[in-house]
């Protein structure tokens, strides 16, 4: 009688994680934060400009209503 052999399941090789030095990771994080801050500043400038336009339109409408 033949013995039942279990099919061997291939075990994936262990891959060592490539760990970047802390300085490199922190530097990249700082770069990302600076980029995010720049984008935030650009958006804030656009918002402020739009708010000024809205305020001017509100003032114009208010003056038109007063004249009538």
Protein backbone atom coordinates (compact mmCIF):
# COMPACT_ATOMS: atom_id res chain seq x y z
CA UNK A 1 0.00 0.00 0.00
CA UNK A 2 1.44 3.36 -1.00
CA UNK A 3 1.85 5.99 1.66
CA UNK A 4 -0.15 9.18 1.27
CA UNK A 5 2.30 11.95 0.59
CA UNK A 6 1.07 15.43 1.21
CA UNK A 7 1.84 17.78 -1.60
CA UNK A 8 4.42 20.17 -0.33
CA UNK A 9 3.21 23.74 -0.35
CA UNK A 10 5.91 26.07 -1.57
CA UNK A 11 6.84 28.57 1.08
CA UNK A 12 7.42 32.04 -0.31
CA UNK A 13 10.93 33.31 0.27
CA UNK A 14 11.41 35.78 3.08
CA UNK A 15 12.09 39.20 1.66
CA UNK A 16 13.87 41.66 3.83
CA UNK A 17 12.22 45.05 3.96
CA UNK A 18 14.37 47.86 2.72
CA UNK A 19 14.39 50.36 5.52
CA UNK A 20 15.45 53.82 4.59
CA UNK A 21 17.42 55.78 7.14
CA UNK A 22 15.41 57.95 9.49
CA UNK A 23 16.96 61.14 8.11
CA UNK A 24 15.86 60.27 4.58
CA UNK A 25 12.31 59.51 5.71
CA UNK A 26 12.07 62.69 7.77
CA UNK A 27 13.47 64.73 4.91
CA UNK A 28 10.83 63.35 2.55
CA UNK A 29 8.09 64.04 5.11
CA UNK A 30 9.31 67.61 5.50
CA UNK A 31 9.29 68.05 1.72
CA UNK A 32 5.71 66.80 1.57
CA UNK A 33 4.65 69.10 4.39
CA UNK A 34 6.24 72.08 2.65
CA UNK A 35 4.49 71.19 -0.60
CA UNK A 36 1.17 70.85 1.20
CA UNK A 37 1.69 74.20 2.92
CA UNK A 38 2.42 75.86 -0.44
CA UNK A 39 -0.76 74.41 -1.94
CA UNK A 40 -2.70 75.59 1.09
CA UNK A 41 -1.30 79.11 0.71
CA UNK A 42 -2.23 79.20 -2.99
CA UNK A 43 -5.79 78.11 -2.21
CA UNK A 44 -6.06 80.61 0.62
CA UNK A 45 -5.01 83.45 -1.71
CA UNK A 46 -7.67 82.39 -4.22
CA UNK A 47 -10.30 82.22 -1.49
CA UNK A 48 -9.36 85.68 -0.21
CA UNK A 49 -9.55 87.12 -3.71
CA UNK A 50 -12.96 85.56 -4.27
CA UNK A 51 -14.15 86.83 -0.89
CA UNK A 52 -13.11 90.35 -1.86
CA UNK A 53 -15.13 90.05 -5.08
CA UNK A 54 -18.17 88.83 -3.16
CA UNK A 55 -17.84 91.71 -0.70
CA UNK A 56 -17.63 94.21 -3.58
CA UNK A 57 -20.73 92.74 -5.18
CA UNK A 58 -22.61 92.86 -1.90
CA UNK A 59 -21.63 96.48 -1.44
CA UNK A 60 -22.69 97.31 -5.01
CA UNK A 61 -26.07 95.66 -4.47
CA UNK A 62 -26.53 97.45 -1.18
CA UNK A 63 -25.81 100.81 -2.82
CA UNK A 64 -28.26 100.06 -5.64
CA UNK A 65 -30.99 99.25 -3.16
CA UNK A 66 -30.37 102.48 -1.26
CA UNK A 67 -30.68 104.56 -4.45
CA UNK A 68 -34.12 103.15 -5.27
